[in-house]
Amino acid sequence: MRQAFIDTATTLIEEDPRTALVLADISVAAFEEAALKHPDRILNVGIREQLMIGVAGGLALTGLRPIAHSYATFLVDRAYEQIKLDLAHQGTGAILVSVGASYDGSSAGYTHMSPMDVQLIDTLPGWTVHVPGHPGEVAPLLTAAAAHDDPVYLRLSTQTNDIAYADAHLLRPVRHGTKALVVAVGPMLAPVLEATRGLDVTVAYTHTPRPFDTTGLRALAHSGNVALIEPYLAGTSAHVVSSALADRPHRLLSLGVTRRDLHSYGTPTDHARHHGLDPAALRASLTTWLP
């Protein structure tokens, strides 16, 4: 996904004079050649993520379409106040593109993990959040985001699905059943499909949890049983689902990264297992919960 972002952003900078890129040392080498050609639109502010967001907000005020890029924990967690003030409060738009989703960077320790980034962005009005599940989904999402001026968060991961669904802005059913609707966001689709093999459930996929497809949710939730499986903090979209189904009886199971700090490095596979997001743990949670 990261390479797909680099390739697409480079093309946008070459072809669209409105596109600008603001970096904070992360991925600088990947854009070195493009920066030599366009030094006025590719800026590296050093390890100053708050400044990166401020510069992006300023560029947006001049009519450019800025992309700000870093690890999720630096881009969102560390710079949240600047996102709130220099983008949201000023009414300016930018594209924030992160790597290191949740525990992708676990080998570098908790400083490089951010399971709470989407929930932080969700506190701000008007943001679109894309969580692609395959490298093939990155280019269309980034290209579309560059064509307007609204705020967008594009969350990239090293965890991927087997198939790209470029048209999954809305809930896309990929398996049909009767007992429950299981919503898989981004790279959770692959483990969810494995976990639900042989179960009488509908599995629906989306790479765009904000705005959440509440119309599709209502149409697919025939049984009143909804399991929401997200690759970031558990329950991040629970309030959206509950509100959309408030006028009908329903049961909701929210699975995602738990609030436990494991105080361990490990691999993403280790963390998925400990947070109950590997196929075996997901199947156990679902079969216990299903009617």
Protein backbone atom coordinates (compact mmCIF):
# COMPACT_ATOMS: atom_id res chain seq x y z
CA MET A 1 0.00 0.00 0.00
CA ARG A 2 2.81 2.40 0.84
CA GLN A 3 4.40 1.93 -2.59
CA ALA A 4 1.02 2.44 -4.25
CA PHE A 5 0.70 5.72 -2.36
CA ILE A 6 4.19 6.85 -3.37
CA ASP A 7 3.58 6.04 -7.04
CA THR A 8 0.17 7.73 -7.10
CA ALA A 9 1.28 10.83 -5.20
CA THR A 10 4.27 11.22 -7.53
CA THR A 11 1.97 11.04 -10.55
CA LEU A 12 -0.42 13.58 -9.04
CA ILE A 13 2.42 16.02 -8.35
CA GLU A 14 3.68 15.62 -11.92
CA GLU A 15 0.28 16.04 -13.55
CA ASP A 16 -1.71 18.31 -11.22
CA PRO A 17 -0.14 21.68 -10.30
CA ARG A 18 -2.53 21.94 -7.36
CA THR A 19 -1.13 18.88 -5.55
CA ALA A 20 1.44 19.49 -2.81
CA LEU A 21 3.15 17.08 -0.42
CA VAL A 22 4.33 17.87 3.12
CA LEU A 23 6.61 15.37 4.87
CA ALA A 24 8.21 15.08 8.29
CA ASP A 25 11.25 12.96 7.35
CA ILE A 26 9.19 9.79 6.80
CA SER A 27 9.34 8.56 3.16
CA VAL A 28 11.56 11.48 2.09
CA ALA A 29 13.88 9.23 0.09
CA ALA A 30 10.95 7.86 -1.92
CA PHE A 31 10.10 11.36 -3.17
CA GLU A 32 13.67 12.60 -3.64
CA GLU A 33 13.57 12.69 -7.42
CA ALA A 34 10.15 14.35 -7.55
CA ALA A 35 11.28 16.93 -4.96
CA LEU A 36 14.16 18.00 -7.20
CA LYS A 37 11.65 18.72 -9.97
CA HIS A 38 9.04 20.37 -7.76
CA PRO A 39 10.80 21.89 -4.73
CA ASP A 40 7.96 24.41 -4.30
CA ARG A 41 5.35 21.65 -3.83
CA ILE A 42 7.25 18.91 -1.97
CA LEU A 43 8.32 20.14 1.44
CA ASN A 44 10.10 18.29 4.24
CA VAL A 45 9.77 20.08 7.59
CA GLY A 46 11.86 17.54 9.51
CA ILE A 47 10.65 15.72 12.61
CA ARG A 48 8.02 18.39 13.33
CA GLU A 49 4.66 16.75 12.71
CA GLN A 50 2.68 19.62 14.23
CA LEU A 51 4.40 22.00 11.81
CA MET A 52 3.67 19.60 8.95
CA ILE A 53 -0.08 19.98 9.61
CA GLY A 54 0.22 23.75 10.00
CA VAL A 55 2.04 24.02 6.68
CA ALA A 56 -0.58 21.81 5.03
CA GLY A 57 -3.32 24.08 6.35
CA GLY A 58 -1.51 27.13 5.00
CA LEU A 59 -1.03 25.56 1.59
CA ALA A 60 -4.75 24.71 1.48
CA LEU A 61 -5.58 28.37 2.17
CA THR A 62 -3.61 29.33 -0.95
CA GLY A 63 -5.68 26.98 -3.13
CA LEU A 64 -3.34 24.00 -3.21
CA ARG A 65 -4.42 20.44 -2.34
CA PRO A 66 -1.89 19.32 0.28
CA ILE A 67 -1.07 15.74 1.23
CA ALA A 68 0.54 15.25 4.66
CA HIS A 69 2.19 11.90 5.30
CA SER A 70 3.78 10.03 8.21
CA TYR A 71 3.23 7.16 10.62
CA ALA A 72 -0.30 7.23 12.03
CA THR A 73 0.93 7.78 15.58
CA PHE A 74 2.92 10.87 14.51
CA LEU A 75 0.46 12.16 11.91
CA VAL A 76 -2.73 11.87 14.00
CA ASP A 77 -1.92 11.19 17.66
CA ARG A 78 0.96 13.64 18.00
CA ALA A 79 -0.45 16.33 15.71
CA TYR A 80 -4.12 16.06 16.71
CA GLU A 81 -4.35 19.61 18.11
CA GLN A 82 -3.04 21.05 14.84
CA ILE A 83 -5.50 18.91 12.85
CA LYS A 84 -8.26 20.30 15.06
CA LEU A 85 -7.13 23.93 14.80
CA ASP A 86 -5.23 24.38 11.53
CA LEU A 87 -7.52 22.22 9.41
CA ALA A 88 -10.92 21.64 11.05
CA HIS A 89 -11.33 24.99 12.80
CA GLN A 90 -10.01 26.95 9.80
CA GLY A 91 -12.32 25.08 7.46
CA THR A 92 -9.44 23.92 5.27
CA GLY A 93 -9.05 20.51 3.71
CA ALA A 94 -6.04 18.25 3.38
CA ILE A 95 -5.35 14.60 2.67
CA LEU A 96 -3.67 12.88 5.60
CA VAL A 97 -2.00 9.63 4.53
CA SER A 98 -0.65 7.35 7.25
CA VAL A 99 1.36 4.16 7.44
CA GLY A 100 1.94 2.02 10.52
CA ALA A 101 -1.74 1.24 11.09
CA SER A 102 -2.62 0.01 14.60
CA TYR A 103 0.18 -2.46 15.39
CA ASP A 104 1.86 -2.68 11.95
CA GLY A 105 4.90 -0.99 13.52
CA SER A 106 4.94 -3.19 16.61
CA SER A 107 8.58 -4.19 16.11
CA ALA A 108 9.50 -0.56 16.88
CA GLY A 109 7.49 -0.53 20.11
CA TYR A 110 4.41 1.35 21.30
CA THR A 111 5.80 4.67 20.02
CA HIS A 112 4.98 3.41 16.52
CA MET A 113 1.51 1.98 17.22
CA SER A 114 -1.79 3.82 16.82
CA PRO A 115 -5.04 1.87 17.16
CA MET A 116 -6.92 5.03 18.19
CA ASP A 117 -6.28 7.23 15.13
CA VAL A 118 -9.65 6.75 13.41
CA GLN A 119 -11.50 7.44 16.65
CA LEU A 120 -9.55 10.70 17.04
CA ILE A 121 -10.37 11.79 13.48
CA ASP A 122 -13.99 10.84 14.15
CA THR A 123 -14.23 13.59 16.78
CA LEU A 124 -13.90 16.18 13.98
CA PRO A 125 -16.75 17.08 11.61
CA GLY A 126 -16.85 16.38 7.91
CA TRP A 127 -13.94 13.97 7.49
CA THR A 128 -13.92 11.10 5.03
CA VAL A 129 -11.93 8.11 6.28
CA HIS A 130 -10.61 5.49 3.87
CA VAL A 131 -9.15 2.22 5.17
CA PRO A 132 -8.11 0.27 2.07
CA GLY A 133 -7.79 -3.47 2.38
CA HIS A 134 -5.63 -4.00 -0.71
CA PRO A 135 -2.90 -2.03 -2.54
CA GLY A 136 -5.13 -1.90 -5.60
CA GLU A 137 -7.61 0.27 -3.71
CA VAL A 138 -5.08 2.98 -2.82
CA ALA A 139 -4.63 4.74 -6.17
CA PRO A 140 -8.36 5.28 -6.91
CA LEU A 141 -9.00 6.53 -3.37
CA LEU A 142 -6.06 8.96 -3.37
CA THR A 143 -6.77 10.21 -6.90
CA ALA A 144 -10.41 10.87 -6.04
CA ALA A 145 -9.42 12.65 -2.82
CA ALA A 146 -7.04 14.94 -4.72
CA ALA A 147 -9.88 16.15 -6.96
CA HIS A 148 -11.78 18.01 -4.20
CA ASP A 149 -10.99 20.13 -1.14
CA ASP A 150 -12.68 18.25 1.72
CA PRO A 151 -10.67 16.68 4.57
CA VAL A 152 -9.69 13.05 3.98
CA TYR A 153 -7.80 10.51 6.08
CA LEU A 154 -6.27 7.61 4.13
CA ARG A 155 -5.03 4.85 6.46
CA LEU A 156 -2.54 2.44 4.90
CA SER A 157 -1.58 -0.94 6.34
CA THR A 158 0.81 -3.81 5.73
CA GLN A 159 -2.14 -6.19 6.34
CA THR A 160 -3.97 -6.90 3.08
CA ASN A 161 -6.90 -8.82 1.63
CA ASP A 162 -6.63 -11.15 -1.34
CA ILE A 163 -8.86 -9.09 -3.64
CA ALA A 164 -9.19 -5.35 -4.29
CA TYR A 165 -12.66 -3.80 -4.23
CA ALA A 166 -12.21 -0.29 -5.61
CA ASP A 167 -15.98 0.36 -5.50
CA ALA A 168 -16.49 -0.45 -1.80
CA HIS A 169 -17.32 3.05 -0.60
CA LEU A 170 -20.68 1.53 0.30
CA LEU A 171 -21.17 -1.79 2.06
CA ARG A 172 -20.46 -4.51 -0.50
CA PRO A 173 -21.81 -7.99 0.28
CA VAL A 174 -19.22 -10.67 -0.51
CA ARG A 175 -21.00 -13.60 1.16
CA HIS A 176 -24.70 -14.12 1.92
CA GLY A 177 -26.43 -15.71 4.91
CA THR A 178 -29.43 -15.27 7.20
CA LYS A 179 -28.39 -15.24 10.87
CA ALA A 180 -26.31 -12.05 11.02
CA LEU A 181 -24.58 -9.29 9.12
CA VAL A 182 -20.81 -9.21 9.63
CA VAL A 183 -19.23 -5.92 8.52
CA ALA A 184 -15.49 -6.13 7.78
CA VAL A 185 -13.58 -2.87 7.41
CA GLY A 186 -10.43 -2.68 5.29
CA PRO A 187 -7.86 -5.43 5.87
CA MET A 188 -10.17 -7.29 8.28
CA LEU A 189 -11.99 -8.87 5.33
CA ALA A 190 -9.46 -11.68 4.81
CA PRO A 191 -9.52 -12.96 8.42
CA VAL A 192 -13.30 -12.46 8.60
CA LEU A 193 -13.90 -14.55 5.48
CA GLU A 194 -11.74 -17.32 6.92
CA ALA A 195 -13.43 -17.05 10.32
CA THR A 196 -16.97 -17.22 8.89
CA ARG A 197 -16.42 -20.10 6.49
CA GLY A 198 -19.45 -22.37 6.78
CA LEU A 199 -21.41 -19.97 9.00
CA ASP A 200 -24.87 -18.76 7.94
CA VAL A 201 -23.99 -15.06 7.87
CA THR A 202 -23.77 -12.21 5.38
CA VAL A 203 -20.30 -10.66 5.14
CA ALA A 204 -20.15 -7.10 3.81
CA TYR A 205 -16.98 -5.13 3.10
CA THR A 206 -16.14 -1.44 3.05
CA HIS A 207 -12.95 0.57 2.76
CA THR A 208 -14.74 3.80 3.74
CA PRO A 209 -16.00 3.75 7.33
CA ARG A 210 -16.65 7.51 7.24
CA PRO A 211 -19.13 8.41 6.10
CA PHE A 212 -20.54 5.02 7.07
CA ASP A 213 -23.03 3.50 4.63
CA THR A 214 -26.03 3.52 6.98
CA THR A 215 -28.49 2.99 4.12
CA GLY A 216 -26.70 -0.20 3.10
CA LEU A 217 -26.46 -1.25 6.73
CA ARG A 218 -30.22 -0.97 7.21
CA ALA A 219 -30.87 -2.90 4.00
CA LEU A 220 -28.53 -5.76 4.93
CA ALA A 221 -29.28 -6.08 8.65
CA HIS A 222 -32.43 -8.19 8.15
CA SER A 223 -31.80 -10.39 11.16
CA GLY A 224 -31.14 -7.55 13.59
CA ASN A 225 -27.77 -9.14 14.45
CA VAL A 226 -24.76 -7.05 13.40
CA ALA A 227 -21.09 -7.81 14.03
CA LEU A 228 -18.75 -4.90 13.33
CA ILE A 229 -15.10 -5.87 12.87
CA GLU A 230 -12.64 -2.99 12.49
CA PRO A 231 -8.81 -2.96 12.30
CA TYR A 232 -8.49 -0.15 14.84
CA LEU A 233 -9.94 0.53 18.30
CA ALA A 234 -12.90 -1.74 19.01
CA GLY A 235 -16.24 0.06 18.97
CA THR A 236 -15.06 3.03 16.90
CA SER A 237 -18.13 2.80 14.63
CA ALA A 238 -20.52 1.32 17.20
CA HIS A 239 -22.28 4.64 17.77
CA VAL A 240 -22.94 5.03 14.05
CA VAL A 241 -24.41 1.53 13.73
CA SER A 242 -26.53 1.88 16.88
CA SER A 243 -27.89 5.23 15.73
CA ALA A 244 -28.71 3.89 12.26
CA LEU A 245 -30.67 0.97 13.76
CA ALA A 246 -32.21 2.87 16.68
CA ASP A 247 -35.76 2.36 15.40
CA ARG A 248 -35.55 -1.46 15.31
CA PRO A 249 -34.50 -4.19 17.75
CA HIS A 250 -30.89 -5.21 17.14
CA ARG A 251 -27.84 -6.81 18.71
CA LEU A 252 -24.36 -5.43 18.07
CA LEU A 253 -21.00 -7.13 18.52
CA SER A 254 -18.05 -4.73 18.13
CA LEU A 255 -14.63 -6.27 17.63
CA GLY A 256 -11.34 -4.50 17.03
CA VAL A 257 -8.11 -3.64 18.78
CA THR A 258 -8.75 -3.80 22.52
CA ARG A 259 -7.75 -1.13 25.04
CA ARG A 260 -5.09 -3.40 26.58
CA ASP A 261 -1.52 -2.14 26.35
CA LEU A 262 0.35 -5.40 25.94
CA HIS A 263 3.74 -3.86 26.84
CA SER A 264 5.23 -6.11 24.18
CA TYR A 265 6.88 -5.66 20.82
CA GLY A 266 6.10 -8.80 18.85
CA THR A 267 4.80 -8.98 15.29
CA PRO A 268 1.49 -7.81 13.84
CA THR A 269 0.45 -11.47 13.83
CA ASP A 270 1.18 -11.71 17.57
CA HIS A 271 -0.87 -8.59 18.27
CA ALA A 272 -3.79 -9.77 16.13
CA ARG A 273 -3.90 -12.96 18.17
CA HIS A 274 -3.70 -11.17 21.52
CA HIS A 275 -6.46 -8.73 20.53
CA GLY A 276 -8.71 -11.51 19.25
CA LEU A 277 -8.50 -10.49 15.60
CA ASP A 278 -6.97 -13.60 14.04
CA PRO A 279 -9.37 -16.01 12.26
CA ALA A 280 -9.55 -18.51 15.13
CA ALA A 281 -10.37 -15.87 17.75
CA LEU A 282 -12.86 -14.13 15.46
CA ARG A 283 -14.67 -17.41 14.80
CA ALA A 284 -14.83 -18.15 18.54
CA SER A 285 -16.28 -14.69 19.26
CA LEU A 286 -18.82 -14.94 16.45
CA THR A 287 -20.04 -18.47 17.17
CA THR A 288 -20.47 -17.62 20.86
CA TRP A 289 -22.48 -14.50 19.96
CA LEU A 290 -24.58 -15.85 17.08
CA PRO A 291 -28.17 -16.88 17.93
